Protein backbone atom coordinates (compact mmCIF):
# COMPACT_ATOMS: atom_id res chain seq x y z
CA MET A 1 35.96 -41.90 2.94
CA GLN A 2 37.72 -43.97 0.27
CA PRO A 3 40.33 -41.83 -1.50
CA CYS A 4 40.44 -41.54 -5.26
CA PRO A 5 43.24 -43.39 -7.02
CA THR A 6 46.32 -41.28 -7.62
CA ASP A 7 46.92 -42.56 -11.12
CA CYS A 8 45.06 -40.74 -13.84
CA PRO A 9 42.73 -42.99 -15.88
CA CYS A 10 42.01 -40.43 -18.56
CA ALA A 11 41.19 -42.07 -21.87
CA PRO A 12 39.41 -41.39 -25.18
CA SER A 13 37.07 -38.45 -25.59
CA ILE A 14 33.87 -38.64 -27.57
CA PRO A 15 32.53 -35.47 -29.15
CA ALA A 16 29.72 -33.98 -27.06
CA ALA A 17 27.66 -33.28 -30.15
CA VAL A 18 26.58 -36.53 -31.78
CA SER A 19 23.80 -37.81 -33.97
CA ARG A 20 20.30 -36.73 -33.04
CA ALA A 21 19.46 -40.43 -33.02
CA CYS A 22 20.86 -40.76 -29.51
CA ARG A 23 19.08 -37.74 -28.06
CA PHE A 24 16.25 -38.18 -25.59
CA GLY A 25 13.01 -38.48 -27.47
CA SER A 26 14.62 -40.46 -30.28
CA THR A 27 12.74 -43.17 -32.10
CA ALA A 28 14.72 -45.83 -30.29
CA SER A 29 12.69 -47.82 -27.77
CA ARG A 30 15.54 -47.84 -25.24
CA THR A 31 15.76 -45.27 -22.45
CA PRO A 32 19.01 -43.34 -22.85
CA ALA A 33 21.22 -42.49 -19.95
CA GLU A 34 23.95 -40.20 -18.94
CA THR A 35 27.44 -41.00 -17.91
CA ALA A 36 29.43 -38.73 -15.71
CA ALA A 37 32.54 -38.82 -13.75
CA GLY A 38 34.95 -36.19 -14.67
CA ALA A 39 38.62 -35.68 -15.25
CA CYS A 40 40.56 -36.74 -12.23
CA CYS A 41 42.40 -33.48 -11.84
CA GLY A 42 41.71 -29.84 -12.41
CA ASP A 43 44.10 -29.41 -15.35
CA ARG A 44 41.79 -29.86 -18.32
CA SER A 45 44.59 -29.10 -20.76
CA ARG A 46 46.17 -32.38 -19.68
CA HIS A 47 43.17 -34.49 -18.65
CA ASP A 48 39.84 -34.08 -20.42
CA GLY A 49 37.60 -36.84 -19.03
CA ARG A 50 35.86 -39.05 -21.54
CA ALA A 51 32.61 -37.43 -22.57
CA LEU A 52 29.46 -39.20 -23.66
CA PRO A 53 26.82 -37.82 -26.01
CA PRO A 54 23.96 -35.68 -24.67
CA ASP A 55 21.86 -38.70 -23.72
CA GLY A 56 24.74 -40.35 -21.93
CA HIS A 57 24.22 -43.72 -23.66
CA LEU A 58 25.77 -44.98 -26.85
CA GLY A 59 23.72 -47.14 -29.20
CA GLU A 60 25.49 -49.54 -31.54
CA SER A 61 24.77 -47.43 -34.63
CA VAL A 62 26.18 -44.37 -32.94
CA LEU A 63 29.23 -46.28 -31.73
CA ARG A 64 29.99 -47.46 -35.25
CA SER A 65 29.70 -43.92 -36.61
CA LEU A 66 32.03 -42.30 -34.08
CA PRO A 67 35.77 -42.06 -34.66
CA LEU A 68 37.84 -43.87 -32.05
CA ARG A 69 40.41 -41.78 -30.22
CA ARG A 70 42.78 -43.70 -28.00
CA ARG A 71 45.02 -43.05 -25.06
CA GLY A 72 46.52 -46.35 -24.06
CA HIS A 73 44.53 -49.46 -24.95
CA ARG A 74 40.93 -48.64 -24.03
CA ASP A 75 38.44 -47.73 -26.73
CA VAL A 76 35.02 -46.14 -26.72
CA HIS A 77 33.18 -49.44 -27.05
CA ALA A 78 34.07 -50.23 -23.45
CA LEU A 79 31.56 -47.58 -22.39
CA ARG A 80 28.69 -49.91 -23.15
CA GLY A 81 29.50 -52.32 -20.37
CA LYS A 82 27.40 -55.49 -20.48
CA SER A 83 25.40 -55.79 -23.67
CA ASP A 84 22.10 -56.12 -21.82
CA MET A 85 22.67 -53.18 -19.45
CA LYS A 86 22.64 -49.44 -19.91
CA THR A 87 25.69 -47.53 -18.79
CA TYR A 88 25.11 -44.17 -17.16
CA GLY A 89 27.50 -41.60 -15.83
CA HIS A 90 28.00 -38.31 -14.11
CA PHE A 91 26.75 -35.16 -15.82
CA ILE A 92 29.37 -32.47 -15.28
CA ASP A 93 29.75 -29.12 -17.02
CA GLY A 94 27.24 -30.04 -19.70
CA ALA A 95 28.82 -33.37 -20.68
CA TYR A 96 28.77 -37.01 -19.64
CA VAL A 97 32.04 -38.37 -18.31
CA GLU A 98 33.25 -41.56 -16.69
CA PRO A 99 34.10 -41.86 -13.00
CA THR A 100 37.62 -40.88 -12.10
CA GLY A 101 38.31 -44.17 -10.40
CA GLY A 102 36.81 -46.25 -13.20
CA LYS A 103 34.36 -47.96 -10.82
CA TRP A 104 30.65 -48.59 -11.36
CA ILE A 105 27.63 -49.59 -9.31
CA ASP A 106 24.97 -51.97 -10.60
CA SER A 107 21.48 -50.50 -10.36
CA LEU A 108 18.99 -53.20 -9.42
CA ASN A 109 15.38 -53.45 -10.50
CA PRO A 110 13.57 -54.09 -7.18
CA TYR A 111 10.82 -56.07 -8.89
CA THR A 112 13.07 -58.56 -10.66
CA GLY A 113 16.07 -58.35 -8.35
CA GLU A 114 18.31 -58.09 -11.42
CA ALA A 115 20.79 -55.43 -12.44
CA TRP A 116 19.47 -53.40 -15.34
CA ALA A 117 21.92 -50.49 -15.52
CA ARG A 118 25.26 -49.23 -14.24
CA ILE A 119 25.97 -45.87 -12.63
CA PRO A 120 29.38 -44.39 -11.80
CA GLN A 121 30.84 -44.92 -8.37
CA GLY A 122 32.03 -41.37 -7.89
CA CYS A 123 34.63 -40.08 -5.47
CA ALA A 124 35.77 -36.80 -3.93
CA GLN A 125 37.59 -35.80 -7.11
CA ASP A 126 34.43 -36.23 -9.14
CA ALA A 127 32.51 -34.14 -6.63
CA ASP A 128 35.21 -31.47 -6.77
CA ARG A 129 35.08 -31.31 -10.55
CA ALA A 130 31.32 -30.89 -10.47
CA VAL A 131 31.51 -28.14 -7.83
CA GLN A 132 34.22 -26.37 -9.82
CA ALA A 133 31.98 -26.44 -12.89
CA ALA A 134 29.04 -25.11 -10.87
CA ALA A 135 31.15 -22.38 -9.28
CA LYS A 136 32.50 -21.29 -12.66
CA ALA A 137 28.99 -21.14 -14.11
CA MET A 138 27.87 -19.19 -11.06
CA HIS A 139 30.45 -16.45 -11.48
CA GLU A 140 31.42 -16.52 -15.16
CA GLY A 141 29.76 -17.15 -18.48
CA PRO A 142 26.17 -16.83 -19.69
CA TRP A 143 24.37 -17.86 -16.48
CA ALA A 144 26.24 -15.31 -14.37
CA GLY A 145 25.23 -12.49 -16.69
CA MET A 146 21.75 -13.74 -17.57
CA ASN A 147 18.78 -11.66 -16.51
CA ALA A 148 16.04 -13.26 -14.45
CA SER A 149 13.46 -13.20 -17.25
CA THR A 150 15.70 -15.19 -19.58
CA ARG A 151 16.51 -17.58 -16.77
CA GLY A 152 12.79 -18.12 -16.22
CA LYS A 153 12.16 -18.80 -19.91
CA LEU A 154 14.78 -21.56 -19.90
CA MET A 155 13.02 -23.13 -16.94
CA LEU A 156 9.70 -22.96 -18.77
CA ARG A 157 11.33 -24.72 -21.72
CA LEU A 158 12.64 -27.41 -19.37
CA GLY A 159 9.13 -27.93 -18.05
CA GLU A 160 7.90 -28.52 -21.60
CA LEU A 161 10.61 -31.12 -22.20
CA ILE A 162 9.76 -32.95 -18.97
CA ALA A 163 6.13 -33.12 -20.07
CA ALA A 164 7.11 -34.44 -23.49
CA ASN A 165 9.29 -37.16 -21.93
CA ALA A 166 7.10 -38.00 -18.94
CA GLU A 167 6.28 -41.60 -19.81
CA ARG A 168 9.88 -42.55 -20.50
CA LEU A 169 11.19 -40.86 -17.38
CA ALA A 170 8.52 -42.50 -15.23
CA GLU A 171 9.37 -45.95 -16.59
CA VAL A 172 13.04 -45.44 -15.73
CA GLU A 173 12.10 -44.37 -12.22
CA VAL A 174 9.95 -47.48 -11.75
CA ARG A 175 12.76 -49.75 -12.90
CA ASP A 176 15.06 -48.06 -10.44
CA ASN A 177 12.90 -47.81 -7.31
CA GLY A 178 10.01 -50.25 -7.86
CA LYS A 179 7.22 -47.78 -7.11
CA LEU A 180 3.99 -48.01 -9.06
CA LEU A 181 4.03 -46.67 -12.60
CA ALA A 182 0.58 -45.22 -11.91
CA GLU A 183 2.07 -43.06 -9.15
CA MET A 184 5.37 -42.21 -10.80
CA LEU A 185 3.75 -41.26 -14.09
CA GLY A 186 1.39 -38.97 -12.22
CA GLN A 187 4.33 -37.40 -10.40
CA VAL A 188 6.37 -36.85 -13.56
CA ARG A 189 3.40 -35.41 -15.47
CA TYR A 190 2.87 -32.98 -12.60
CA ASN A 191 6.60 -32.23 -12.29
CA PRO A 192 6.63 -29.47 -14.98
CA GLU A 193 4.40 -27.33 -12.78
CA TRP A 194 7.34 -26.66 -10.43
CA TRP A 195 9.47 -25.47 -13.33
CA ARG A 196 6.65 -23.30 -14.65
CA TYR A 197 5.87 -21.85 -11.23
CA PHE A 198 9.44 -21.03 -10.27
CA GLY A 199 10.35 -20.05 -13.83
CA GLY A 200 7.56 -17.50 -13.67
CA LEU A 201 8.72 -16.38 -10.24
CA ALA A 202 12.33 -15.81 -11.28
CA ASP A 203 11.89 -12.17 -12.38
CA LYS A 204 9.56 -11.26 -9.53
CA LEU A 205 12.06 -11.62 -6.69
CA GLU A 206 12.07 -7.93 -5.94
CA GLY A 207 14.02 -6.02 -3.37
CA ALA A 208 12.54 -3.01 -1.63
CA VAL A 209 13.25 0.64 -1.02
CA VAL A 210 13.23 1.19 2.73
CA PRO A 211 11.81 4.51 4.02
CA ILE A 212 14.83 4.83 6.24
CA ASP A 213 14.78 7.04 9.32
CA LYS A 214 18.29 8.42 8.70
CA PRO A 215 18.51 11.82 6.96
CA ASP A 216 20.23 12.12 3.60
CA MET A 217 20.23 8.35 3.03
CA PHE A 218 18.80 6.22 0.24
CA ALA A 219 18.40 2.62 1.43
CA PHE A 220 17.23 -0.47 -0.40
CA THR A 221 17.50 -4.25 -0.31
CA ARG A 222 18.28 -6.70 -3.07
CA HIS A 223 18.07 -10.50 -3.23
CA GLU A 224 21.06 -12.43 -4.52
CA PRO A 225 21.63 -16.16 -5.09
CA VAL A 226 23.30 -17.91 -2.19
CA GLY A 227 25.75 -19.67 -4.53
CA VAL A 228 26.50 -23.29 -5.42
CA VAL A 229 23.93 -25.71 -4.00
CA ALA A 230 24.56 -29.37 -3.19
CA ALA A 231 21.25 -31.24 -3.51
CA LEU A 232 21.23 -34.70 -1.92
CA THR A 233 18.09 -36.61 -2.88
CA ALA A 234 16.40 -39.80 -1.71
CA TRP A 235 15.50 -42.93 -3.66
CA ASN A 236 11.73 -42.90 -3.28
CA SER A 237 10.87 -39.97 -5.62
CA PRO A 238 14.06 -38.72 -7.29
CA LEU A 239 12.57 -36.49 -9.99
CA LEU A 240 10.05 -34.95 -7.62
CA PHE A 241 12.88 -34.01 -5.28
CA ILE A 242 14.84 -32.52 -8.18
CA ALA A 243 11.86 -30.25 -8.90
CA TRP A 244 11.41 -29.35 -5.23
CA LYS A 245 15.07 -28.41 -4.76
CA CYS A 246 16.47 -27.36 -8.10
CA ALA A 247 13.56 -25.35 -9.54
CA PRO A 248 13.65 -22.72 -6.75
CA ALA A 249 17.46 -22.84 -6.70
CA LEU A 250 17.70 -22.05 -10.42
CA ALA A 251 14.97 -19.42 -10.15
CA ALA A 252 17.12 -17.70 -7.52
CA GLY A 253 20.11 -17.81 -9.87
CA CYS A 254 22.05 -20.56 -8.08
CA THR A 255 23.87 -23.45 -9.72
CA VAL A 256 23.50 -27.02 -8.44
CA VAL A 257 25.30 -30.30 -8.01
CA VAL A 258 22.87 -33.17 -7.43
CA LYS A 259 23.93 -36.31 -5.62
CA PRO A 260 21.05 -38.80 -6.02
CA SER A 261 20.74 -41.94 -3.94
CA GLU A 262 22.93 -44.74 -5.21
CA PHE A 263 19.81 -46.92 -5.17
CA ALA A 264 17.93 -44.76 -7.70
CA SER A 265 20.13 -42.48 -9.78
CA CYS A 266 19.12 -43.30 -13.33
CA SER A 267 16.10 -41.03 -13.74
CA THR A 268 18.12 -38.06 -12.47
CA LEU A 269 20.84 -38.82 -14.99
CA GLU A 270 18.26 -39.09 -17.75
CA PHE A 271 16.75 -35.78 -16.64
CA ALA A 272 20.12 -34.03 -16.92
CA ALA A 273 20.08 -34.27 -20.71
CA LEU A 274 16.85 -32.30 -20.78
CA THR A 275 18.53 -29.38 -19.02
CA LYS A 276 21.06 -29.29 -21.85
CA GLU A 277 18.34 -29.48 -24.49
CA ALA A 278 16.43 -26.67 -22.77
CA GLY A 279 19.45 -24.38 -23.22
CA ILE A 280 20.48 -24.16 -19.58
CA PRO A 281 24.20 -23.27 -19.74
CA ASP A 282 26.89 -25.83 -19.00
CA GLY A 283 27.80 -26.16 -15.33
CA VAL A 284 24.48 -24.90 -13.99
CA PHE A 285 23.06 -28.40 -13.41
CA ASN A 286 25.44 -31.24 -12.55
CA VAL A 287 24.93 -34.81 -11.31
CA VAL A 288 27.50 -36.93 -9.48
CA THR A 289 26.52 -40.44 -8.40
CA GLY A 290 28.00 -42.78 -5.85
CA TYR A 291 27.96 -43.52 -2.14
CA GLY A 292 27.25 -40.98 0.57
CA PRO A 293 30.57 -41.27 2.45
CA GLU A 294 32.51 -40.84 -0.79
CA VAL A 295 30.49 -38.25 -2.74
CA GLY A 296 27.90 -36.80 -0.38
CA SER A 297 30.42 -35.96 2.33
CA ALA A 298 32.76 -34.40 -0.20
CA LEU A 299 29.98 -32.11 -1.39
CA VAL A 300 28.89 -31.12 2.11
CA GLU A 301 32.49 -30.29 3.07
CA HIS A 302 33.44 -28.53 -0.16
CA ARG A 303 34.52 -24.93 0.42
CA ASP A 304 32.76 -23.70 -2.72
CA VAL A 305 29.36 -25.15 -1.78
CA ALA A 306 27.26 -22.44 -0.13
CA LYS A 307 24.13 -24.44 0.67
CA VAL A 308 23.15 -28.06 1.22
CA THR A 309 19.61 -29.35 0.73
CA PHE A 310 18.92 -32.94 1.75
CA THR A 311 16.01 -35.36 1.79
CA GLY A 312 16.37 -38.55 3.83
CA SER A 313 16.41 -39.92 7.36
CA ASP A 314 16.70 -37.75 10.43
CA ALA A 315 19.86 -39.59 11.53
CA THR A 316 21.65 -38.81 8.27
CA GLY A 317 20.20 -35.29 8.29
CA ALA A 318 21.67 -34.65 11.73
CA ARG A 319 25.12 -35.75 10.54
CA ILE A 320 24.87 -33.50 7.48
CA TYR A 321 23.72 -30.60 9.64
CA ALA A 322 26.73 -31.00 11.94
CA GLN A 323 29.10 -31.45 9.01
CA ALA A 324 27.79 -28.36 7.18
CA ALA A 325 28.00 -26.25 10.35
CA LYS A 326 31.79 -26.57 10.33
CA THR A 327 31.91 -24.31 7.27
CA MET A 328 28.78 -22.30 8.12
CA LYS A 329 26.79 -23.53 5.15
CA ARG A 330 23.10 -22.83 4.74
CA VAL A 331 21.10 -26.03 5.18
CA SER A 332 17.60 -27.27 4.29
CA LEU A 333 16.56 -30.68 5.57
CA GLU A 334 13.43 -32.66 4.69
CA LEU A 335 13.55 -35.65 6.98
CA GLY A 336 11.47 -38.45 8.43
CA GLY A 337 8.09 -38.68 10.05
CA LYS A 338 5.77 -40.73 12.23
CA SER A 339 2.62 -39.03 11.08
CA PRO A 340 -0.71 -39.52 12.88
CA ASN A 341 -3.87 -40.00 10.82
CA ILE A 342 -6.59 -39.06 13.33
CA VAL A 343 -10.12 -40.40 12.82
CA PHE A 344 -13.02 -38.93 14.78
CA ASP A 345 -16.41 -40.61 15.16
CA ASP A 346 -18.18 -37.89 13.15
CA CYS A 347 -16.11 -38.51 10.01
CA ASP A 348 -17.18 -39.85 6.64
CA ILE A 349 -16.02 -43.34 7.50
CA ASP A 350 -15.65 -44.53 3.89
CA ALA A 351 -13.47 -41.55 3.03
CA ALA A 352 -11.44 -41.98 6.21
CA ILE A 353 -10.76 -45.67 5.53
CA ALA A 354 -9.64 -44.90 1.99
CA GLY A 355 -7.47 -42.06 3.28
CA VAL A 356 -5.81 -44.21 5.92
CA ILE A 357 -5.07 -46.96 3.37
CA SER A 358 -3.64 -44.36 0.98
CA GLY A 359 -1.58 -42.85 3.75
CA ILE A 360 0.25 -46.06 4.63
CA PHE A 361 0.08 -48.56 1.76
CA ALA A 362 0.52 -46.20 -1.20
CA ALA A 363 4.15 -46.20 -2.35
CA THR A 364 4.52 -49.40 -0.25
CA GLY A 365 4.72 -47.09 2.76
CA GLN A 366 8.08 -45.75 1.54
CA THR A 367 7.32 -42.09 2.01
CA CYS A 368 8.27 -39.59 4.69
CA ILE A 369 4.63 -38.50 5.05
CA ALA A 370 3.29 -42.03 5.58
CA GLY A 371 0.40 -42.02 8.03
CA SER A 372 1.91 -44.88 9.98
CA ARG A 373 -0.12 -44.22 13.14
CA VAL A 374 -3.89 -44.24 12.79
CA LEU A 375 -5.54 -42.78 15.88
CA VAL A 376 -9.19 -43.86 15.99
CA GLN A 377 -11.82 -42.60 18.43
CA ASN A 378 -12.71 -45.53 20.67
CA SER A 379 -16.44 -45.22 19.98
CA ILE A 380 -15.87 -46.40 16.38
CA LYS A 381 -12.55 -48.20 16.66
CA GLU A 382 -13.83 -51.77 16.41
CA ARG A 383 -16.06 -51.10 13.40
CA PHE A 384 -13.41 -48.95 11.72
CA THR A 385 -10.72 -51.57 12.24
CA GLU A 386 -12.80 -54.36 10.71
CA ARG A 387 -13.51 -52.35 7.57
CA LEU A 388 -9.93 -51.13 7.34
CA VAL A 389 -8.63 -54.69 7.34
CA GLU A 390 -11.19 -55.68 4.72
CA LEU A 391 -9.95 -52.98 2.35
CA GLY A 392 -6.30 -53.62 3.14
CA ARG A 393 -6.75 -57.30 2.31
CA THR A 394 -7.79 -56.40 -1.26
CA ALA A 395 -4.43 -54.77 -2.07
CA ARG A 396 -2.85 -56.46 -5.10
CA LYS A 397 0.90 -57.05 -4.98
CA GLY A 398 2.90 -57.46 -8.14
CA ASP A 399 4.57 -55.84 -11.11
CA PRO A 400 4.70 -52.07 -10.50
CA MET A 401 4.47 -51.47 -14.25
CA LEU A 402 0.94 -52.94 -14.38
CA PRO A 403 -2.03 -50.61 -13.84
CA ASP A 404 -3.91 -52.96 -11.49
CA THR A 405 -1.01 -53.38 -9.04
CA ASN A 406 -1.49 -51.66 -5.67
CA ILE A 407 1.65 -52.71 -3.78
CA GLY A 408 5.08 -52.89 -5.35
CA PRO A 409 8.34 -54.19 -3.93
CA VAL A 410 10.42 -52.52 -1.27
CA THR A 411 13.08 -50.52 -3.09
CA THR A 412 16.23 -51.72 -1.35
CA ALA A 413 17.33 -54.92 0.35
CA PRO A 414 18.43 -53.12 3.56
CA GLN A 415 15.05 -51.41 3.81
CA TYR A 416 13.25 -54.73 3.24
CA ARG A 417 15.14 -56.28 6.16
CA LYS A 418 14.48 -53.24 8.35
CA ILE A 419 10.72 -53.46 7.77
CA LEU A 420 10.65 -57.16 8.64
CA ASP A 421 12.70 -56.45 11.77
CA TYR A 422 10.19 -53.85 12.93
CA ILE A 423 7.32 -56.28 12.35
CA GLU A 424 9.01 -58.80 14.63
CA ILE A 425 9.76 -56.09 17.22
CA ALA A 426 6.07 -55.12 17.25
CA LYS A 427 5.00 -58.71 17.81
CA ALA A 428 7.55 -59.14 20.60
CA GLU A 429 6.29 -55.99 22.36
CA GLY A 430 2.71 -57.29 22.38
CA ALA A 431 1.13 -55.65 19.36
CA ARG A 432 -1.46 -57.90 17.70
CA CYS A 433 -0.99 -58.46 13.98
CA ILE A 434 -4.40 -58.47 12.27
CA LEU A 435 -3.21 -58.25 8.65
CA GLY A 436 -0.05 -59.39 6.92
CA GLY A 437 2.91 -59.54 9.22
CA GLY A 438 5.74 -60.83 7.06
CA PRO A 439 7.27 -61.24 3.62
CA ALA A 440 5.00 -61.79 0.63
CA PRO A 441 5.97 -65.12 -0.96
CA ASP A 442 5.89 -66.27 -4.58
CA LEU A 443 6.76 -62.89 -6.09
CA PRO A 444 9.86 -61.94 -8.09
CA GLY A 445 12.83 -60.14 -6.60
CA GLY A 446 12.36 -61.30 -3.03
CA GLN A 447 11.58 -57.82 -1.65
CA PHE A 448 7.80 -57.81 -1.15
CA VAL A 449 6.25 -57.24 2.28
CA GLU A 450 2.63 -58.03 3.04
CA PRO A 451 0.55 -54.94 3.88
CA THR A 452 0.56 -55.14 7.66
CA ILE A 453 -1.75 -53.76 10.34
CA PHE A 454 -1.20 -53.98 14.10
CA ALA A 455 -3.90 -53.55 16.74
CA ASP A 456 -3.47 -53.29 20.53
CA VAL A 457 -0.65 -50.81 19.99
CA THR A 458 0.27 -48.46 22.81
CA PRO A 459 2.01 -45.11 22.23
CA ASP A 460 5.17 -46.25 24.01
CA MET A 461 5.86 -49.18 21.65
CA ARG A 462 8.69 -48.81 19.16
CA ILE A 463 6.31 -49.54 16.28
CA ALA A 464 4.41 -46.39 17.33
CA ARG A 465 7.48 -44.21 17.82
CA GLU A 466 10.11 -45.06 15.21
CA GLU A 467 9.92 -44.55 11.46
CA VAL A 468 9.52 -47.91 9.70
CA PHE A 469 9.29 -46.59 6.12
CA GLY A 470 7.20 -49.48 4.92
CA PRO A 471 3.62 -50.78 4.65
CA VAL A 472 3.12 -51.18 8.40
CA LEU A 473 0.26 -49.48 10.26
CA SER A 474 -0.36 -49.13 14.00
CA ILE A 475 -3.90 -48.61 15.34
CA ILE A 476 -4.19 -46.61 18.56
CA GLY A 477 -7.43 -45.63 20.28
CA PHE A 478 -8.33 -42.32 21.92
CA ASP A 479 -11.35 -40.94 23.78
CA ASP A 480 -11.49 -37.23 23.03
CA GLU A 481 -9.89 -34.38 21.15
CA ALA A 482 -7.39 -33.56 23.88
CA GLU A 483 -6.11 -37.13 24.03
CA ALA A 484 -5.84 -37.27 20.24
CA VAL A 485 -3.66 -34.15 20.26
CA ARG A 486 -1.50 -35.49 23.09
CA ILE A 487 -0.87 -38.83 21.34
CA GLY A 488 -0.46 -37.20 17.93
CA ASN A 489 2.21 -34.81 19.20
CA ASP A 490 3.98 -37.44 21.32
CA THR A 491 6.77 -37.99 18.81
CA ILE A 492 10.14 -36.52 17.93
CA TYR A 493 8.81 -35.95 14.41
CA GLY A 494 6.54 -33.27 13.04
CA LEU A 495 6.25 -33.64 9.27
CA ALA A 496 2.55 -34.26 8.65
CA ALA A 497 -0.78 -35.22 10.18
CA GLY A 498 -4.26 -36.10 8.98
CA VAL A 499 -7.63 -35.29 10.58
CA TRP A 500 -10.96 -36.86 9.60
CA THR A 501 -14.02 -35.00 10.86
CA LYS A 502 -17.14 -33.19 9.62
CA ASP A 503 -16.85 -30.59 12.39
CA ILE A 504 -15.25 -27.45 10.91
CA GLY A 505 -14.50 -26.07 14.38
CA ARG A 506 -12.64 -29.25 15.27
CA ALA A 507 -10.77 -29.12 11.96
CA VAL A 508 -9.52 -25.62 12.77
CA ARG A 509 -8.63 -26.49 16.37
CA MET A 510 -6.78 -29.66 15.41
CA SER A 511 -4.84 -27.97 12.59
CA ALA A 512 -3.61 -25.42 15.13
CA ALA A 513 -2.84 -27.89 17.92
CA LEU A 514 -0.92 -30.51 15.92
CA LYS A 515 2.82 -29.86 15.73
CA ALA A 516 3.34 -30.76 12.08
CA GLY A 517 4.47 -28.86 9.01
CA THR A 518 1.46 -30.07 7.04
CA VAL A 519 -2.01 -30.92 8.34
CA TRP A 520 -4.53 -32.50 5.97
CA VAL A 521 -8.21 -32.46 6.87
CA ASN A 522 -10.42 -35.06 5.13
CA THR A 523 -7.64 -35.86 2.67
CA TYR A 524 -4.08 -37.19 2.74
CA ARG A 525 -0.87 -37.07 0.63
CA ALA A 526 -1.93 -33.95 -1.28
CA VAL A 527 1.00 -31.81 -2.50
CA SER A 528 1.31 -28.78 -4.77
CA TYR A 529 4.06 -26.61 -6.19
CA MET A 530 2.20 -23.68 -4.58
CA MET A 531 2.12 -25.02 -1.03
CA PRO A 532 5.14 -24.94 1.32
CA PHE A 533 6.24 -28.37 2.53
CA GLY A 534 8.56 -29.18 5.40
CA GLY A 535 8.69 -30.37 8.96
CA MET A 536 8.97 -29.37 12.59
CA LYS A 537 11.16 -30.95 15.26
CA HIS A 538 13.25 -33.85 13.88
CA SER A 539 11.39 -33.73 10.58
CA GLY A 540 13.54 -31.00 9.20
CA ILE A 541 14.52 -27.39 8.64
CA GLY A 542 13.23 -25.08 5.92
CA ARG A 543 10.46 -25.37 3.36
CA GLU A 544 10.17 -26.69 -0.17
CA SER A 545 7.59 -25.56 -2.76
CA GLY A 546 5.63 -22.33 -2.68
CA ILE A 547 7.13 -18.85 -2.59
CA GLU A 548 8.86 -19.68 0.69
CA ALA A 549 11.06 -22.23 -1.08
CA VAL A 550 12.91 -19.72 -3.22
CA ARG A 551 13.87 -17.71 -0.13
CA GLU A 552 15.92 -20.72 0.98
CA TYR A 553 18.28 -19.99 -1.93
CA LEU A 554 18.58 -16.21 -1.59
CA GLU A 555 20.64 -13.83 0.47
CA THR A 556 19.25 -10.39 1.29
CA LYS A 557 21.72 -7.57 0.85
CA SER A 558 21.15 -4.12 2.39
CA VAL A 559 22.49 -1.13 0.44
CA TRP A 560 22.98 2.37 1.90
CA ILE A 561 23.71 5.36 -0.34
CA SER A 562 24.43 8.70 1.28
CA THR A 563 23.05 11.76 -0.50
CA ALA A 564 24.57 14.14 2.02
CA GLN A 565 27.05 16.81 1.05
CA GLY A 566 30.10 17.49 3.12
CA VAL A 567 31.87 15.54 5.87
CA PRO A 568 30.13 14.15 8.99
CA ALA A 569 30.58 16.31 12.07
CA ASN A 570 32.08 13.44 14.07
CA PRO A 571 33.50 10.53 12.01
CA PHE A 572 34.18 8.49 15.18
CA VAL A 573 30.56 7.64 15.99
CA MET A 574 27.96 5.47 14.34
CA ARG A 575 25.82 7.29 11.81
């Protein structure tokens, strides 16, 4: 881990309350941002990190209207960075502050390949400041003393603000991760439902009176928040993961520090301002950006973090799990998958083809639930394959902001190279490429991959066993139900599975036999705030969404009250 610099780069402060013109939802066409890094030491009387306004981004008119306060030779105008780029920052203790080390990371638009914004390159000191703010809010101040009903109302208000800002937030997310606006806008418009659901649940987390078998005892249980939560999110759906993790955490009464992926942090930083506008007290929701070894590790190891929730690869999840175990932290992990989409010969073949295409090519295959293995009953495999390729060939690649685009760019350059490597591995192992099979030329940014389908795949090939996280599909045949189950379960993963059949008995049998946290029958990629989501085996630990999710952020306390009079006959034995 790279240490923070020992010299203190504290500089001018900008009042946290500024003109309404720079709030989210202003008439400006730009998308504001948030800048956060934090004072480099814990003594705020000496070092009060440079704060940005509530939207984290300073427009020229606002800059001209603000008084300049100097320490040394740096002035507030330096916060703008390049004139054609937005400058974001950490969101800590209700304010936007610069990174302690004064370093920044360019955020690239995957479609154009160009930098469009800057985020702070945080360090362990930034993470510590954010955790300190979260811990203080957890144990002192308005959040600590707030009743659950009031807490829920603030969450409902946040849901309203997300809905009002959905289009702007979705556009930021598309610029950052290159996924289709059609998908991201749908996700963000649906996002408020998590805040409404868990906001409504906040004051219904009841303990219980236990009809205890001991005489002269009154016994009951109560549910208490686990404490400060470190939420580490992935780059493919940042705001969705915020809802999945932070809505139940806040409903439970926890405070959070979010570390988004360095590849897609901007929408999370934009979102942070809405928590402030909703009235959620300072320190309850914090965001620190940067690299995993520098910020993520510091959060996982921090003594004041009680729980870690992570979405990402199983390899990284395993490291986090081991790291968190050293300090006995609670952990939730939503990890990778190699999900089978199983097609029986009695299915609605048109629906199944559409479902298989959706399962692998939607989101450019960059989703943990991607149905990257399609298992097709041999009696229809040839006909199914022909029609599948026909539909796959119609996919339109291009600008993710346009409504008629079906396939956007791969989000990151390392992931783009990984996908192409797996395509070559599949060819070398004998899989037959019947669609795509390489980079898509003549498109901006240089990170497009052709939708790819492989036939003649056997279950032992790497393309059928390892998570590619891209638009690459393997077709595998099977004869009967038993073989479909055997092949479907022959993986270290267990996140999701799809089944296509008109036989209700088969649907029930398959849903029981498949070792996956979610089984879809005659549909795919359906999610809801009401329905628990999570994996088996290497696909994770714990559940997100649904009532089960809030239990991940609660501790159950047992309380015994003696109503007996007098002293026990023998104080040396268990009562």
